[in-house]
């Protein structure tokens, strides 16, 4: 709240206000290159790149953009790849050239890609070849003129990179055949333009840096327009929170969340780049044995993740035997961190698992727990500097302390708005406060807690799943008459998608529905369970009542 009630009990948390230290993200980048040039910036599959080596690749790519394409400042460039060394290179090159980055989940289906590319007006894409076959299906329907492809092994060195690509293509068969005439290899660009530098681009705080696609509070996938100023504000706010708790140029951070997710993008890729950390990029965290092997080889001081990631790690015997003596920070976000998980983590590692809260629309951080054993398990923490949080009732009146209501966030990290959706932007703003759609409470010390979600969004492994998307996909099956979708919780508290279907054709099976969905939807959106019904509950106007689906 605006009177900072937590100051009495937590005077050393952070100042209620702080200076924003940067005009644009490129300033953060260039300062880090200057300060940490010979230190390792990123490591992936045992291959390392120093800050200077990252910069050399970034300069080459910027030169190519400016001299070999029609791209200009403000154009939208889609990035579609998992956590690889080339991802941060692509991010920083696009930012340095003044482009707007459209982060895209590489596992998206062709239909999902098409929506995002058309809505954003992307003119270029950098895509890992494993998913280029989907791009081929929809490229002619987009405005994309420049296609740059990359491989898993592009920056892993000649021997290792060649071996990795051979296994990925020929042994694991992970690269379906595709044809994209005119596409160019990222590896070729970096090799042929080594040593070249592009021209500086004037970038202002109000210039958009990212279109971060999200369902927001209404369920329709749309781009949250995050400016350079938004992101720089959030980095500065987190710097104030970090204070003197980490050592410049010495930290090792684990990045298992994908960089296309706003949490990893701002916290791992940008904020800890600012501190000269060594960033360990995990390409496939679902492969827990390989993930733990990477952790064993790279004693780490910081790790970020979602609740399910921490659960998965703690269930691995190898993880239990790791050396946690360097651990300083485990930060959970993207979904609620369960109390039992935080307790078990701290008991196992000796380091607290601090919960933070934010959204794509807030760049993302809005609240965070204090360091130094002053955190509250089950709480999303206290507001960051320059951030005011209020809780509103359904009439947008501020509730009494302790009462539940919708969380509203005001601060310099709040998005410019939803791209080309002025009406949607107006719906989620109350004055300067962004209405999150999350129901929360504030205790007497100013700590916030999430109670429930106002909308019917389903949260699967930290990613938003919207019933409309799933229902639309299922309804395209000719054997389906009616469908309703809702989220349900497992015993461990994690959510999954359940679909309720009235069959048009009685031969329709659960396996057939799930298989059909896998052709239409990203894996985390695919229902884990199907329930067949004779009828679905409806309102008096025929709307399916999801809350009554049981």
Protein backbone atom coordinates (compact mmCIF):
# COMPACT_ATOMS: atom_id res chain seq x y z
CA UNK A 1 0.00 0.00 0.00
CA UNK A 2 1.04 3.58 -0.42
CA UNK A 3 2.03 4.13 3.25
CA UNK A 4 4.63 1.29 3.22
CA UNK A 5 3.48 -0.51 6.40
CA UNK A 6 6.42 -2.93 6.19
CA UNK A 7 8.95 -0.17 6.95
CA UNK A 8 8.38 -0.54 10.70
CA UNK A 9 9.18 -4.25 10.79
CA UNK A 10 11.58 -4.44 7.84
CA UNK A 11 13.41 -1.10 7.68
CA UNK A 12 16.42 -2.72 6.01
CA UNK A 13 14.46 -4.45 3.23
CA UNK A 14 14.78 -1.84 0.47
CA UNK A 15 14.03 1.83 0.12
CA UNK A 16 10.48 2.54 -1.09
CA UNK A 17 12.04 4.40 -4.01
CA UNK A 18 15.16 4.05 -6.11
CA UNK A 19 16.80 5.70 -9.09
CA UNK A 20 16.41 4.07 -12.50
CA UNK A 21 20.02 3.69 -13.51
CA UNK A 22 19.72 3.14 -17.27
CA UNK A 23 18.17 4.80 -20.31
CA UNK A 24 17.97 1.60 -22.32
CA UNK A 25 18.93 -2.06 -22.10
CA UNK A 26 21.92 -1.57 -24.40
CA UNK A 27 23.53 0.58 -21.68
CA UNK A 28 23.32 -2.37 -19.28
CA UNK A 29 24.80 -4.63 -21.92
CA UNK A 30 27.72 -2.37 -22.88
CA UNK A 31 28.59 -1.63 -19.27
CA UNK A 32 28.82 -5.36 -18.53
CA UNK A 33 30.99 -6.03 -21.60
CA UNK A 34 33.36 -3.30 -20.39
CA UNK A 35 33.43 -4.52 -16.79
CA UNK A 36 33.56 -8.29 -17.27
CA UNK A 37 35.04 -8.79 -20.77
CA UNK A 38 37.20 -11.88 -20.12
CA UNK A 39 34.87 -13.58 -17.66
CA UNK A 40 32.53 -16.33 -18.79
CA UNK A 41 29.08 -14.99 -19.60
CA UNK A 42 27.23 -18.10 -20.77
CA UNK A 43 27.84 -21.82 -20.67
CA UNK A 44 25.81 -24.49 -22.44
CA UNK A 45 26.62 -28.19 -22.92
CA UNK A 46 30.07 -27.52 -21.43
CA UNK A 47 30.89 -24.85 -24.04
CA UNK A 48 31.65 -21.35 -22.73
CA UNK A 49 31.49 -17.84 -24.16
CA UNK A 50 33.12 -14.88 -22.44
CA UNK A 51 31.51 -11.47 -22.35
CA UNK A 52 33.92 -10.34 -25.08
CA UNK A 53 33.09 -13.35 -27.25
CA UNK A 54 29.37 -12.67 -26.84
CA UNK A 55 30.01 -9.08 -27.90
CA UNK A 56 31.95 -10.15 -30.98
CA UNK A 57 29.02 -12.31 -32.11
CA UNK A 58 26.50 -9.57 -31.31
CA UNK A 59 28.45 -7.03 -33.39
CA UNK A 60 28.58 -9.42 -36.35
CA UNK A 61 24.85 -10.01 -36.24
CA UNK A 62 24.05 -6.30 -35.89
CA UNK A 63 26.23 -5.56 -38.94
CA UNK A 64 24.38 -8.23 -40.93
CA UNK A 65 21.00 -6.81 -39.92
CA UNK A 66 21.99 -3.31 -40.99
CA UNK A 67 23.77 -4.19 -44.23
CA UNK A 68 22.18 -7.36 -45.60
CA UNK A 69 18.49 -7.01 -44.68
CA UNK A 70 15.72 -4.43 -45.02
CA UNK A 71 15.17 -4.33 -41.26
CA UNK A 72 15.10 -0.96 -39.52
CA UNK A 73 14.66 0.37 -36.01
CA UNK A 74 11.28 -0.60 -34.55
CA UNK A 75 10.78 -3.66 -36.74
CA UNK A 76 9.61 -6.85 -35.04
CA UNK A 77 11.94 -9.86 -34.96
CA UNK A 78 10.72 -13.23 -33.66
CA UNK A 79 13.14 -15.42 -31.71
CA UNK A 80 12.19 -19.06 -31.47
CA UNK A 81 14.66 -21.42 -29.80
CA UNK A 82 15.36 -23.18 -26.50
CA UNK A 83 18.14 -22.13 -24.13
CA UNK A 84 21.24 -22.16 -26.35
CA UNK A 85 24.30 -19.91 -26.49
CA UNK A 86 22.90 -18.19 -29.56
CA UNK A 87 19.72 -17.07 -27.77
CA UNK A 88 21.26 -14.26 -25.67
CA UNK A 89 23.38 -13.28 -28.67
CA UNK A 90 20.21 -12.88 -30.73
CA UNK A 91 18.51 -10.95 -27.91
CA UNK A 92 21.34 -8.44 -27.46
CA UNK A 93 21.89 -8.02 -31.22
CA UNK A 94 18.21 -7.24 -31.78
CA UNK A 95 18.15 -4.78 -28.89
CA UNK A 96 21.35 -3.10 -30.09
CA UNK A 97 19.84 -2.72 -33.58
CA UNK A 98 16.73 -1.13 -32.08
CA UNK A 99 14.37 -3.97 -33.01
CA UNK A 100 11.38 -5.19 -31.03
CA UNK A 101 11.81 -8.80 -29.93
CA UNK A 102 8.87 -11.18 -30.22
CA UNK A 103 9.80 -14.10 -27.97
CA UNK A 104 8.14 -17.26 -29.25
CA UNK A 105 7.88 -20.67 -27.62
CA UNK A 106 9.75 -23.07 -29.96
CA UNK A 107 7.21 -25.81 -29.18
CA UNK A 108 4.32 -23.84 -30.60
CA UNK A 109 2.27 -25.46 -33.33
CA UNK A 110 2.08 -23.85 -36.76
CA UNK A 111 -1.30 -22.30 -35.87
CA UNK A 112 0.04 -20.77 -32.67
CA UNK A 113 3.08 -19.41 -34.49
CA UNK A 114 0.90 -17.91 -37.19
CA UNK A 115 -1.23 -16.01 -34.68
CA UNK A 116 1.79 -14.53 -32.93
CA UNK A 117 3.67 -13.65 -36.13
CA UNK A 118 0.65 -12.06 -37.81
CA UNK A 119 -0.47 -10.18 -34.72
CA UNK A 120 3.01 -8.77 -34.07
CA UNK A 121 3.75 -8.03 -37.73
CA UNK A 122 7.13 -9.75 -37.43
CA UNK A 123 9.43 -9.08 -40.40
CA UNK A 124 12.18 -11.53 -39.43
CA UNK A 125 12.65 -14.71 -37.46
CA UNK A 126 15.61 -16.53 -35.97
CA UNK A 127 14.51 -20.12 -35.46
CA UNK A 128 16.19 -23.36 -34.44
CA UNK A 129 15.99 -25.85 -37.32
CA UNK A 130 14.11 -28.44 -35.24
CA UNK A 131 10.95 -26.38 -35.66
CA UNK A 132 11.53 -24.89 -39.10
CA UNK A 133 9.05 -27.35 -40.64
CA UNK A 134 6.24 -25.52 -38.83
CA UNK A 135 7.51 -22.20 -40.12
CA UNK A 136 7.39 -23.57 -43.67
CA UNK A 137 3.66 -24.26 -43.27
CA UNK A 138 2.74 -20.67 -42.43
CA UNK A 139 5.53 -18.44 -43.77
CA UNK A 140 3.58 -17.29 -46.84
CA UNK A 141 0.79 -16.01 -44.57
CA UNK A 142 3.12 -13.70 -42.61
CA UNK A 143 5.12 -10.52 -43.27
CA UNK A 144 8.40 -12.28 -42.54
CA UNK A 145 11.08 -11.46 -45.13
CA UNK A 146 14.24 -12.55 -43.32
CA UNK A 147 14.59 -16.12 -42.08
CA UNK A 148 17.69 -17.08 -40.10
CA UNK A 149 18.04 -20.69 -39.03
CA UNK A 150 20.28 -22.10 -36.34
CA UNK A 151 21.13 -25.57 -35.09
CA UNK A 152 21.52 -27.00 -31.60
CA UNK A 153 25.26 -27.33 -32.15
CA UNK A 154 26.01 -24.04 -33.93
CA UNK A 155 28.13 -22.54 -31.15
CA UNK A 156 29.45 -25.70 -29.52
CA UNK A 157 32.66 -25.86 -31.56
CA UNK A 158 33.39 -27.76 -34.76
CA UNK A 159 33.85 -31.23 -33.26
CA UNK A 160 31.22 -31.18 -30.51
CA UNK A 161 28.77 -29.12 -32.56
CA UNK A 162 29.04 -31.49 -35.49
CA UNK A 163 28.52 -34.50 -33.25
CA UNK A 164 25.52 -32.94 -31.50
CA UNK A 165 23.90 -32.00 -34.81
CA UNK A 166 24.49 -35.50 -36.20
CA UNK A 167 22.84 -37.12 -33.19
CA UNK A 168 19.94 -34.64 -33.17
CA UNK A 169 19.29 -35.03 -36.90
CA UNK A 170 20.13 -38.65 -37.63
CA UNK A 171 19.89 -40.60 -34.39
CA UNK A 172 17.13 -38.89 -32.45
CA UNK A 173 15.35 -37.73 -35.65
CA UNK A 174 14.49 -34.38 -34.05
CA UNK A 175 14.69 -32.28 -37.21
CA UNK A 176 11.75 -32.92 -39.57
CA UNK A 177 12.45 -32.13 -43.21
CA UNK A 178 11.75 -28.54 -44.23
CA UNK A 179 12.21 -26.20 -47.16
CA UNK A 180 12.72 -22.49 -46.56
CA UNK A 181 14.23 -21.03 -49.74
CA UNK A 182 16.34 -17.97 -49.05
CA UNK A 183 16.98 -18.73 -45.40
CA UNK A 184 20.48 -18.14 -44.08
CA UNK A 185 22.43 -19.91 -41.36
CA UNK A 186 23.21 -17.97 -38.21
CA UNK A 187 26.52 -19.76 -37.98
CA UNK A 188 27.39 -18.55 -41.48
CA UNK A 189 26.44 -14.97 -40.58
CA UNK A 190 28.69 -14.98 -37.51
CA UNK A 191 31.59 -16.56 -39.39
CA UNK A 192 31.50 -14.37 -42.50
CA UNK A 193 31.02 -11.09 -40.61
CA UNK A 194 33.44 -11.69 -37.76
CA UNK A 195 35.12 -8.46 -36.69
CA UNK A 196 32.52 -6.20 -38.29
CA UNK A 197 30.47 -3.71 -36.29
CA UNK A 198 27.19 -2.04 -37.05
CA UNK A 199 26.29 1.59 -36.63
CA UNK A 200 25.04 2.81 -33.22
CA UNK A 201 21.27 3.25 -32.93
CA UNK A 202 19.68 5.88 -30.71
CA UNK A 203 17.38 4.06 -28.31
CA UNK A 204 15.11 5.90 -25.90
CA UNK A 205 13.42 4.71 -22.73
CA UNK A 206 10.00 4.84 -24.41
CA UNK A 207 11.11 2.65 -27.33
CA UNK A 208 9.53 -0.81 -27.20
CA UNK A 209 11.99 -3.63 -26.53
CA UNK A 210 9.75 -6.71 -26.31
CA UNK A 211 6.31 -7.88 -27.34
CA UNK A 212 5.86 -10.48 -24.64
CA UNK A 213 2.82 -12.55 -25.59
CA UNK A 214 0.45 -13.53 -22.85
CA UNK A 215 -3.22 -14.17 -22.32
CA UNK A 216 -3.22 -11.36 -19.79
CA UNK A 217 -6.39 -11.30 -17.74
CA UNK A 218 -8.81 -12.02 -20.58
CA UNK A 219 -7.48 -15.23 -22.15
CA UNK A 220 -6.82 -13.86 -25.66
CA UNK A 221 -3.14 -14.17 -26.57
CA UNK A 222 -1.77 -10.66 -27.02
CA UNK A 223 1.55 -8.87 -26.86
CA UNK A 224 2.42 -6.96 -23.72
CA UNK A 225 4.43 -4.00 -25.00
CA UNK A 226 7.45 -3.67 -22.73
CA UNK A 227 9.63 -0.64 -23.30
CA UNK A 228 13.33 -0.22 -22.64
CA UNK A 229 12.26 1.96 -19.72
CA UNK A 230 10.03 -0.77 -18.29
CA UNK A 231 12.82 -3.35 -18.33
CA UNK A 232 15.50 -0.93 -17.08
CA UNK A 233 13.22 0.09 -14.23
CA UNK A 234 12.73 -3.53 -13.22
CA UNK A 235 16.47 -4.24 -13.35
CA UNK A 236 17.12 -1.16 -11.18
CA UNK A 237 14.39 -2.20 -8.74
CA UNK A 238 15.89 -5.66 -8.38
CA UNK A 239 19.37 -4.15 -7.96
CA UNK A 240 18.07 -2.23 -4.94
CA UNK A 241 16.69 -5.48 -3.52
CA UNK A 242 19.95 -7.38 -4.17
CA UNK A 243 22.04 -4.70 -2.48
CA UNK A 244 25.37 -6.12 -1.31
CA UNK A 245 24.21 -9.72 -1.17
CA UNK A 246 26.07 -10.91 -4.27
CA UNK A 247 29.60 -10.45 -5.58
CA UNK A 248 30.15 -8.82 -8.97
CA UNK A 249 31.76 -11.11 -11.52
CA UNK A 250 31.73 -14.17 -9.25
CA UNK A 251 28.21 -15.59 -9.21
CA UNK A 252 27.07 -18.68 -11.11
CA UNK A 253 23.37 -18.70 -11.99
CA UNK A 254 21.37 -21.65 -13.28
CA UNK A 255 18.93 -20.83 -16.10
CA UNK A 256 16.57 -23.74 -16.53
CA UNK A 257 13.49 -21.68 -17.33
CA UNK A 258 13.41 -20.80 -21.04
CA UNK A 259 14.64 -17.34 -21.97
CA UNK A 260 11.41 -16.69 -23.88
CA UNK A 261 9.67 -16.66 -20.47
CA UNK A 262 9.64 -13.18 -18.92
CA UNK A 263 10.97 -14.44 -15.57
CA UNK A 264 14.18 -15.91 -17.03
CA UNK A 265 14.49 -13.11 -19.58
CA UNK A 266 14.65 -10.27 -17.05
CA UNK A 267 16.09 -12.05 -14.01
CA UNK A 268 18.64 -14.39 -15.58
CA UNK A 269 19.52 -13.02 -19.00
CA UNK A 270 19.50 -9.30 -18.18
CA UNK A 271 19.83 -8.68 -14.43
CA UNK A 272 22.59 -11.18 -13.76
CA UNK A 273 24.37 -10.17 -16.97
CA UNK A 274 24.54 -6.77 -15.28
CA UNK A 275 26.39 -8.42 -12.36
CA UNK A 276 28.88 -10.30 -14.51
CA UNK A 277 27.55 -13.72 -13.55
CA UNK A 278 28.32 -16.96 -15.33
CA UNK A 279 24.98 -18.09 -16.72
CA UNK A 280 24.52 -21.86 -17.10
CA UNK A 281 21.93 -22.39 -19.83
CA UNK A 282 19.96 -25.61 -19.47
CA UNK A 283 18.50 -26.63 -22.84
CA UNK A 284 16.26 -29.44 -21.61
CA UNK A 285 15.54 -29.32 -17.86
CA UNK A 286 13.01 -32.14 -18.24
CA UNK A 287 15.97 -34.48 -18.64
CA UNK A 288 16.59 -34.47 -14.90
CA UNK A 289 19.65 -36.80 -14.86
CA UNK A 290 21.43 -34.62 -17.45
CA UNK A 291 20.26 -31.48 -15.66
CA UNK A 292 21.69 -32.70 -12.36
CA UNK A 293 24.94 -33.67 -14.10
CA UNK A 294 25.26 -30.06 -15.27
CA UNK A 295 24.60 -28.84 -11.73
CA UNK A 296 27.28 -31.13 -10.34
CA UNK A 297 29.85 -29.79 -12.84
CA UNK A 298 28.87 -26.18 -12.13
CA UNK A 299 28.64 -25.38 -8.42
CA UNK A 300 26.12 -22.56 -8.41
CA UNK A 301 25.23 -19.67 -6.16
CA UNK A 302 21.88 -18.67 -7.68
CA UNK A 303 19.03 -20.63 -9.22
CA UNK A 304 15.63 -19.50 -10.46
CA UNK A 305 12.68 -21.70 -11.28
CA UNK A 306 9.07 -22.64 -10.77
CA UNK A 307 7.64 -24.83 -8.04
CA UNK A 308 7.59 -27.99 -10.15
CA UNK A 309 11.24 -27.55 -11.11
CA UNK A 310 12.31 -27.47 -7.47
CA UNK A 311 10.18 -30.53 -6.73
CA UNK A 312 11.74 -32.42 -9.64
CA UNK A 313 15.27 -31.60 -8.52
CA UNK A 314 14.68 -32.63 -4.93
CA UNK A 315 13.41 -36.01 -6.11
CA UNK A 316 16.77 -36.76 -7.75
CA UNK A 317 19.30 -38.63 -5.62
CA UNK A 318 22.18 -36.95 -7.45
CA UNK A 319 20.82 -33.54 -6.54
CA UNK A 320 20.60 -34.43 -2.85
CA UNK A 321 24.33 -35.13 -2.86
CA UNK A 322 25.44 -31.85 -4.46
CA UNK A 323 27.66 -29.32 -2.75
CA UNK A 324 25.45 -26.36 -1.79
CA UNK A 325 28.13 -24.43 0.09
CA UNK A 326 28.10 -21.61 -2.50
CA UNK A 327 24.32 -21.27 -2.60
CA UNK A 328 23.12 -17.72 -1.93
CA UNK A 329 19.72 -17.51 -3.57
CA UNK A 330 16.92 -19.67 -4.90
CA UNK A 331 14.15 -17.60 -6.41
CA UNK A 332 10.74 -19.04 -7.23
CA UNK A 333 8.18 -17.43 -9.50
CA UNK A 334 5.90 -18.10 -12.46
CA UNK A 335 3.54 -20.04 -10.19
CA UNK A 336 2.97 -20.31 -6.45
CA UNK A 337 5.77 -21.89 -4.44
CA UNK A 338 4.18 -24.40 -2.10
CA UNK A 339 5.04 -24.12 1.58
CA UNK A 340 6.22 -27.72 1.83
CA UNK A 341 8.50 -27.29 -1.17
CA UNK A 342 10.11 -24.15 0.29
CA UNK A 343 10.61 -25.91 3.61
CA UNK A 344 12.15 -29.01 2.06
CA UNK A 345 14.40 -26.92 -0.19
CA UNK A 346 15.79 -24.92 2.70
CA UNK A 347 16.36 -28.08 4.75
CA UNK A 348 18.18 -29.78 1.88
CA UNK A 349 20.27 -26.90 0.54
CA UNK A 350 20.61 -24.64 3.58
CA UNK A 351 19.40 -21.74 1.43
CA UNK A 352 15.93 -20.19 1.51
CA UNK A 353 13.64 -20.54 -1.49
CA UNK A 354 12.31 -16.99 -1.83
CA UNK A 355 9.06 -16.39 -3.65
CA UNK A 356 8.53 -13.41 -5.91
CA UNK A 357 5.52 -12.29 -7.94
CA UNK A 358 4.99 -10.58 -11.24
CA UNK A 359 3.52 -10.89 -14.70
CA UNK A 360 4.55 -10.38 -18.28
CA UNK A 361 2.75 -7.06 -18.08
CA UNK A 362 5.02 -5.91 -15.20
CA UNK A 363 8.37 -6.83 -16.73
CA UNK A 364 7.83 -9.02 -14.50
CA UNK A 365 8.80 -8.36 -10.86
CA UNK A 366 6.37 -6.50 -8.57
CA UNK A 367 6.92 -8.09 -5.15
CA UNK A 368 9.69 -10.17 -3.64
CA UNK A 369 10.65 -11.62 -0.27
CA UNK A 370 13.49 -10.16 1.80
CA UNK A 371 16.91 -11.80 2.11
CA UNK A 372 18.55 -12.72 5.40
CA UNK A 373 15.95 -15.05 6.90
CA UNK A 374 13.26 -12.39 7.00
CA UNK A 375 11.15 -13.98 4.30
CA UNK A 376 7.69 -15.38 4.85
CA UNK A 377 6.96 -18.80 3.43
CA UNK A 378 3.64 -18.75 1.59
CA UNK A 379 3.94 -15.05 0.83
CA UNK A 380 4.91 -13.34 -2.43
CA UNK A 381 6.79 -10.78 -0.38
CA UNK A 382 6.91 -7.00 -0.28
CA UNK A 383 6.62 -4.45 -3.10
CA UNK A 384 9.77 -3.54 -4.98
CA UNK A 385 10.94 0.10 -4.91
CA UNK A 386 8.79 2.58 -6.88
CA UNK A 387 5.99 0.02 -6.79
CA UNK A 388 2.61 0.63 -5.19
CA UNK A 389 0.20 -2.24 -4.75
CA UNK A 390 -3.45 -1.98 -3.84
CA UNK A 391 -6.16 -4.58 -3.46
CA UNK A 392 -9.52 -3.75 -4.98
CA UNK A 393 -13.02 -5.17 -4.61
CA UNK A 394 -15.32 -5.79 -7.58
CA UNK A 395 -16.31 -2.11 -7.54
CA UNK A 396 -12.63 -1.08 -7.73
CA UNK A 397 -12.71 0.28 -4.20
CA UNK A 398 -9.68 -0.43 -2.03
CA UNK A 399 -10.41 -3.17 0.53
CA UNK A 400 -9.53 -3.15 4.22
CA UNK A 401 -6.17 -4.58 5.25
CA UNK A 402 -6.45 -8.36 5.40
CA UNK A 403 -9.49 -8.61 3.12
CA UNK A 404 -9.14 -10.37 -0.25
CA UNK A 405 -9.47 -8.58 -3.56
CA UNK A 406 -7.91 -8.13 -6.97
CA UNK A 407 -4.26 -7.09 -6.92
CA UNK A 408 -3.48 -3.84 -8.72
CA UNK A 409 0.10 -2.79 -9.49
CA UNK A 410 1.44 0.69 -10.15
CA UNK A 411 5.05 1.31 -11.10
CA UNK A 412 7.53 2.13 -13.87
CA UNK A 413 7.75 -1.56 -14.79
CA UNK A 414 4.09 -1.70 -15.87
CA UNK A 415 3.75 -2.23 -19.62
CA UNK A 416 2.98 0.43 -22.17
CA UNK A 417 -0.12 -1.56 -23.09
CA UNK A 418 -1.26 -4.50 -25.18
CA UNK A 419 -0.01 -4.25 -28.77
CA UNK A 420 -2.79 -2.97 -31.08
CA UNK A 421 -5.43 -3.74 -28.42
CA UNK A 422 -6.39 -0.44 -26.83
CA UNK A 423 -9.71 -1.79 -25.59
CA UNK A 424 -8.02 -4.71 -23.84
CA UNK A 425 -5.51 -2.32 -22.27
CA UNK A 426 -8.30 -0.14 -20.90
CA UNK A 427 -10.03 -3.17 -19.38
CA UNK A 428 -7.03 -4.07 -17.26
CA UNK A 429 -6.12 -0.57 -16.05
CA UNK A 430 -7.67 1.35 -13.16
CA UNK A 431 -6.01 4.72 -13.40
CA UNK A 432 -2.29 3.92 -13.21
CA UNK A 433 -2.91 0.52 -11.61
CA UNK A 434 -2.66 -2.65 -13.67
CA UNK A 435 -5.39 -5.06 -12.60
CA UNK A 436 -3.75 -8.46 -12.47
CA UNK A 437 -6.75 -10.76 -12.29
CA UNK A 438 -5.17 -12.35 -9.21
CA UNK A 439 -6.93 -12.33 -5.86
CA UNK A 440 -4.67 -11.52 -2.95
CA UNK A 441 -4.44 -10.22 0.60
CA UNK A 442 -2.02 -8.01 2.53
CA UNK A 443 -1.14 -8.72 6.15
CA UNK A 444 -0.37 -6.23 8.92
CA UNK A 445 3.33 -6.11 7.98
CA UNK A 446 2.67 -5.36 4.32
CA UNK A 447 3.37 -8.85 2.96
CA UNK A 448 1.16 -9.96 0.10
CA UNK A 449 -0.27 -13.40 -0.54
CA UNK A 450 -2.05 -14.87 -3.56
CA UNK A 451 -5.39 -16.38 -2.63
CA UNK A 452 -6.78 -17.42 -5.98
CA UNK A 453 -7.07 -16.34 -9.60
CA UNK A 454 -10.01 -14.23 -10.57
CA UNK A 455 -10.28 -15.62 -14.05
CA UNK A 456 -10.45 -19.23 -15.16
CA UNK A 457 -6.86 -19.38 -16.30
CA UNK A 458 -5.05 -22.67 -15.70
CA UNK A 459 -1.40 -22.54 -14.63
CA UNK A 460 0.61 -25.53 -15.90
CA UNK A 461 4.30 -25.64 -14.91
CA UNK A 462 4.41 -21.85 -14.74
CA UNK A 463 2.75 -21.27 -18.12
CA UNK A 464 -0.72 -19.82 -18.66
CA UNK A 465 -3.26 -22.12 -20.29
CA UNK A 466 -6.56 -20.61 -21.34
CA UNK A 467 -9.66 -22.82 -21.64
CA UNK A 468 -10.79 -21.04 -24.82
CA UNK A 469 -7.63 -22.13 -26.67
CA UNK A 470 -8.04 -25.77 -25.66
CA UNK A 471 -11.77 -25.82 -26.29
CA UNK A 472 -11.26 -24.34 -29.73
CA UNK A 473 -8.75 -27.04 -30.66
CA UNK A 474 -10.90 -29.92 -29.37
CA UNK A 475 -14.04 -28.59 -31.01
CA UNK A 476 -12.34 -28.92 -34.41
CA UNK A 477 -12.52 -32.69 -34.03
CA UNK A 478 -15.57 -33.79 -36.05
CA UNK A 479 -16.45 -36.41 -33.42
CA UNK A 480 -16.95 -33.74 -30.71
CA UNK A 481 -20.32 -32.16 -30.05
CA UNK A 482 -19.56 -29.97 -27.03
CA UNK A 483 -16.51 -29.35 -24.89
CA UNK A 484 -15.66 -27.51 -21.71
CA UNK A 485 -12.24 -27.22 -20.12
CA UNK A 486 -11.06 -26.41 -16.64
CA UNK A 487 -8.00 -26.81 -14.45
CA UNK A 488 -7.77 -29.35 -11.68
CA UNK A 489 -5.11 -29.97 -9.06
CA UNK A 490 -3.09 -33.05 -8.33
CA UNK A 491 -2.33 -34.12 -4.76
CA UNK A 492 0.93 -32.14 -4.86
CA UNK A 493 -0.97 -28.95 -5.73
CA UNK A 494 0.18 -28.64 -9.35
CA UNK A 495 -2.47 -28.02 -11.97
CA UNK A 496 -3.38 -29.93 -15.09
CA UNK A 497 -5.95 -29.51 -17.85
CA UNK A 498 -9.10 -31.64 -17.87
CA UNK A 499 -11.57 -31.62 -20.76
CA UNK A 500 -15.24 -32.52 -20.51
CA UNK A 501 -16.73 -33.69 -23.80
CA UNK A 502 -20.11 -34.58 -25.20
CA UNK A 503 -19.46 -36.95 -28.12
CA UNK A 504 -21.03 -36.58 -31.52
CA UNK A 505 -19.60 -39.94 -32.53
CA UNK A 506 -19.69 -42.57 -29.74
CA UNK A 507 -16.47 -44.15 -31.06
CA UNK A 508 -14.41 -41.17 -29.85
CA UNK A 509 -11.82 -42.23 -27.25
CA UNK A 510 -9.70 -40.38 -24.71
CA UNK A 511 -6.52 -41.37 -26.55
CA UNK A 512 -7.92 -40.00 -29.81
CA UNK A 513 -8.75 -36.63 -28.24
CA UNK A 514 -5.31 -36.28 -26.67
CA UNK A 515 -3.59 -37.26 -29.90
CA UNK A 516 -5.70 -34.72 -31.79
CA UNK A 517 -4.77 -32.00 -29.28
CA UNK A 518 -1.08 -32.72 -29.67
CA UNK A 519 -1.38 -31.76 -33.32
CA UNK A 520 -2.99 -28.46 -32.41
CA UNK A 521 -1.48 -27.38 -29.11
CA UNK A 522 1.80 -27.00 -27.27
CA UNK A 523 2.36 -29.93 -24.92
CA UNK A 524 1.56 -28.11 -21.67
CA UNK A 525 -1.86 -27.12 -23.06
CA UNK A 526 -2.83 -30.71 -23.95
CA UNK A 527 -5.41 -32.14 -21.51
CA UNK A 528 -4.07 -34.83 -19.20
CA UNK A 529 -7.51 -36.26 -18.64
CA UNK A 530 -10.74 -36.52 -20.63
CA UNK A 531 -14.19 -37.00 -19.13
CA UNK A 532 -17.09 -37.91 -21.39
CA UNK A 533 -20.55 -36.65 -20.43
CA UNK A 534 -24.08 -36.87 -21.81
CA UNK A 535 -24.47 -33.13 -21.34
CA UNK A 536 -22.59 -30.14 -19.94
CA UNK A 537 -23.98 -27.58 -17.47
CA UNK A 538 -25.09 -24.40 -19.18
CA UNK A 539 -26.44 -20.97 -18.30
CA UNK A 540 -29.85 -19.84 -19.47
CA UNK A 541 -28.27 -18.41 -22.62
CA UNK A 542 -26.44 -21.64 -23.45
CA UNK A 543 -22.98 -20.77 -22.13
CA UNK A 544 -21.11 -23.74 -20.71
CA UNK A 545 -20.52 -23.15 -17.00
CA UNK A 546 -16.96 -24.28 -16.40
CA UNK A 547 -17.21 -23.84 -12.65
CA UNK A 548 -19.86 -26.58 -12.57
CA UNK A 549 -17.79 -29.09 -14.53
CA UNK A 550 -16.97 -31.93 -12.14
